[in-house]
Amino acid sequence: MSAALLVVDLAACTVVTVASGWLVTERLLSRLARVACALLAAGACVNTIGIYGMLANVDGFFYGDVWPSEVLVDIGLAVLMGRWATRLHMAAAEPACP
């Protein structure tokens, strides 16, 4: 796996970690959605650490070789989570009555 693709994956995992961690505290979401965001935050955090370990050449660590297709999943999830977080943030800023 190329280093550039790992950097893109690292950035996507970082976005997912931050966005899902922030959305865990969003009171407009149901409890199930907040639990799902907590699971996403935990998984993305582990992925972020794993990808960073791969980029930092930790001995015997081949995370990027094991999960190469995860890059596409992480990019798609990062885009969806970023869009969802932005829409919730903008909805809270709009007045309730016209």
C-alpha atoms as a PDB file:
ATOM      1  CA  MET A   1       0.000   0.000   0.000  1.00  0.00           C
ATOM      2  CA  SER A   2       1.412   3.388  -0.921  1.00  0.00           C
ATOM      3  CA  ALA A   3       2.276   5.964   1.696  1.00  0.00           C
ATOM      4  CA  ALA A   4      -0.002   8.544   0.044  1.00  0.00           C
ATOM      5  CA  LEU A   5      -2.995   6.222   0.377  1.00  0.00           C
ATOM      6  CA  LEU A   6      -2.147   5.607   4.024  1.00  0.00           C
ATOM      7  CA  VAL A   7      -2.009   9.368   4.647  1.00  0.00           C
ATOM      8  CA  VAL A   8      -5.464   9.750   3.051  1.00  0.00           C
ATOM      9  CA  ASP A   9      -6.730   6.895   5.220  1.00  0.00           C
ATOM     10  CA  LEU A  10      -5.182   8.487   8.311  1.00  0.00           C
ATOM     11  CA  ALA A  11      -6.900  11.806   7.546  1.00  0.00           C
ATOM     12  CA  ALA A  12     -10.249  10.077   6.973  1.00  0.00           C
ATOM     13  CA  CYS A  13      -9.959   8.118  10.226  1.00  0.00           C
ATOM     14  CA  THR A  14      -9.084  11.307  12.096  1.00  0.00           C
ATOM     15  CA  VAL A  15     -12.190  13.057  10.718  1.00  0.00           C
ATOM     16  CA  VAL A  16     -14.365  10.095  11.706  1.00  0.00           C
ATOM     17  CA  THR A  17     -12.843  10.022  15.196  1.00  0.00           C
ATOM     18  CA  VAL A  18     -13.449  13.733  15.802  1.00  0.00           C
ATOM     19  CA  ALA A  19     -16.910  13.924  14.182  1.00  0.00           C
ATOM     20  CA  SER A  20     -18.295  10.802  15.847  1.00  0.00           C
ATOM     21  CA  GLY A  21     -16.770  11.790  19.183  1.00  0.00           C
ATOM     22  CA  TRP A  22     -18.488  15.181  18.925  1.00  0.00           C
ATOM     23  CA  LEU A  23     -21.798  13.627  17.843  1.00  0.00           C
ATOM     24  CA  VAL A  24     -21.857  11.373  20.920  1.00  0.00           C
ATOM     25  CA  THR A  25     -22.745  14.507  22.912  1.00  0.00           C
ATOM     26  CA  GLU A  26     -25.451  15.709  20.478  1.00  0.00           C
ATOM     27  CA  ARG A  27     -28.771  15.678  22.361  1.00  0.00           C
ATOM     28  CA  LEU A  28     -30.824  15.799  19.126  1.00  0.00           C
ATOM     29  CA  LEU A  29     -29.729  12.246  18.317  1.00  0.00           C
ATOM     30  CA  SER A  30     -31.415   9.169  19.707  1.00  0.00           C
ATOM     31  CA  ARG A  31     -29.619   7.036  22.251  1.00  0.00           C
ATOM     32  CA  LEU A  32     -29.034   4.350  19.628  1.00  0.00           C
ATOM     33  CA  ALA A  33     -27.442   6.873  17.262  1.00  0.00           C
ATOM     34  CA  ARG A  34     -25.175   8.141  20.045  1.00  0.00           C
ATOM     35  CA  VAL A  35     -24.113   4.578  20.890  1.00  0.00           C
ATOM     36  CA  ALA A  36     -23.386   4.001  17.187  1.00  0.00           C
ATOM     37  CA  CYS A  37     -21.294   7.184  17.145  1.00  0.00           C
ATOM     38  CA  ALA A  38     -19.417   5.987  20.237  1.00  0.00           C
ATOM     39  CA  LEU A  39     -18.641   2.703  18.489  1.00  0.00           C
ATOM     40  CA  LEU A  40     -17.508   4.591  15.386  1.00  0.00           C
ATOM     41  CA  ALA A  41     -15.309   6.848  17.508  1.00  0.00           C
ATOM     42  CA  ALA A  42     -13.701   3.872  19.236  1.00  0.00           C
ATOM     43  CA  GLY A  43     -13.105   1.983  15.975  1.00  0.00           C
ATOM     44  CA  ALA A  44     -11.799   5.035  14.141  1.00  0.00           C
ATOM     45  CA  CYS A  45      -9.484   5.890  17.029  1.00  0.00           C
ATOM     46  CA  VAL A  46      -7.973   2.391  16.880  1.00  0.00           C
ATOM     47  CA  ASN A  47      -7.636   2.717  13.091  1.00  0.00           C
ATOM     48  CA  THR A  48      -5.950   6.111  13.461  1.00  0.00           C
ATOM     49  CA  ILE A  49      -3.409   4.718  15.905  1.00  0.00           C
ATOM     50  CA  GLY A  50      -2.846   1.664  13.706  1.00  0.00           C
ATOM     51  CA  ILE A  51      -2.302   3.682  10.537  1.00  0.00           C
ATOM     52  CA  TYR A  52       0.013   6.078  12.344  1.00  0.00           C
ATOM     53  CA  GLY A  53       1.979   3.057  13.612  1.00  0.00           C
ATOM     54  CA  MET A  54       2.273   1.816  10.042  1.00  0.00           C
ATOM     55  CA  LEU A  55       3.474   5.214   8.798  1.00  0.00           C
ATOM     56  CA  ALA A  56       5.932   5.532  11.698  1.00  0.00           C
ATOM     57  CA  ASN A  57       7.465   2.132  10.769  1.00  0.00           C
ATOM     58  CA  VAL A  58       6.812   0.451  14.092  1.00  0.00           C
ATOM     59  CA  ASP A  59       8.671  -2.880  13.922  1.00  0.00           C
ATOM     60  CA  GLY A  60       6.513  -5.805  12.890  1.00  0.00           C
ATOM     61  CA  PHE A  61       3.428  -3.671  12.358  1.00  0.00           C
ATOM     62  CA  PHE A  62       1.773  -4.173   8.965  1.00  0.00           C
ATOM     63  CA  TYR A  63      -1.672  -2.682   9.449  1.00  0.00           C
ATOM     64  CA  GLY A  64      -1.852  -1.196   5.957  1.00  0.00           C
ATOM     65  CA  ASP A  65      -1.073  -4.512   4.301  1.00  0.00           C
ATOM     66  CA  VAL A  66      -3.918  -6.287   6.093  1.00  0.00           C
ATOM     67  CA  TRP A  67      -6.751  -3.811   5.425  1.00  0.00           C
ATOM     68  CA  PRO A  68      -6.137  -2.077   2.046  1.00  0.00           C
ATOM     69  CA  SER A  69      -9.830  -1.865   1.114  1.00  0.00           C
ATOM     70  CA  GLU A  70     -10.590  -0.016   4.340  1.00  0.00           C
ATOM     71  CA  VAL A  71      -9.377   3.204   2.707  1.00  0.00           C
ATOM     72  CA  LEU A  72     -12.503   3.466   0.559  1.00  0.00           C
ATOM     73  CA  VAL A  73     -14.781   2.727   3.488  1.00  0.00           C
ATOM     74  CA  ASP A  74     -13.057   5.334   5.650  1.00  0.00           C
ATOM     75  CA  ILE A  75     -13.258   8.017   2.963  1.00  0.00           C
ATOM     76  CA  GLY A  76     -16.968   7.401   2.420  1.00  0.00           C
ATOM     77  CA  LEU A  77     -17.680   7.328   6.126  1.00  0.00           C
ATOM     78  CA  ALA A  78     -15.649  10.482   6.710  1.00  0.00           C
ATOM     79  CA  VAL A  79     -17.636  12.332   4.051  1.00  0.00           C
ATOM     80  CA  LEU A  80     -20.977  11.122   5.411  1.00  0.00           C
ATOM     81  CA  MET A  81     -20.091  11.891   9.022  1.00  0.00           C
ATOM     82  CA  GLY A  82     -18.738  15.328   8.105  1.00  0.00           C
ATOM     83  CA  ARG A  83     -21.915  16.124   6.165  1.00  0.00           C
ATOM     84  CA  TRP A  84     -24.139  14.844   8.953  1.00  0.00           C
ATOM     85  CA  ALA A  85     -22.275  16.852  11.601  1.00  0.00           C
ATOM     86  CA  THR A  86     -22.436  20.001   9.467  1.00  0.00           C
ATOM     87  CA  ARG A  87     -26.172  19.620   8.830  1.00  0.00           C
ATOM     88  CA  LEU A  88     -26.878  19.151  12.550  1.00  0.00           C
ATOM     89  CA  HIS A  89     -24.741  22.145  13.423  1.00  0.00           C
ATOM     90  CA  MET A  90     -26.466  24.363  10.841  1.00  0.00           C
ATOM     91  CA  ALA A  91     -29.945  23.190  11.920  1.00  0.00           C
ATOM     92  CA  ALA A  92     -29.235  24.230  15.512  1.00  0.00           C
ATOM     93  CA  ALA A  93     -28.249  27.725  14.351  1.00  0.00           C
ATOM     94  CA  GLU A  94     -31.479  28.350  12.415  1.00  0.00           C
ATOM     95  CA  PRO A  95     -34.491  29.819  14.235  1.00  0.00           C
ATOM     96  CA  ALA A  96     -37.303  27.376  15.018  1.00  0.00           C
ATOM     97  CA  CYS A  97     -40.073  29.697  13.783  1.00  0.00           C
ATOM     98  CA  PRO A  98     -39.938  31.721  10.553  1.00  0.00           C
END
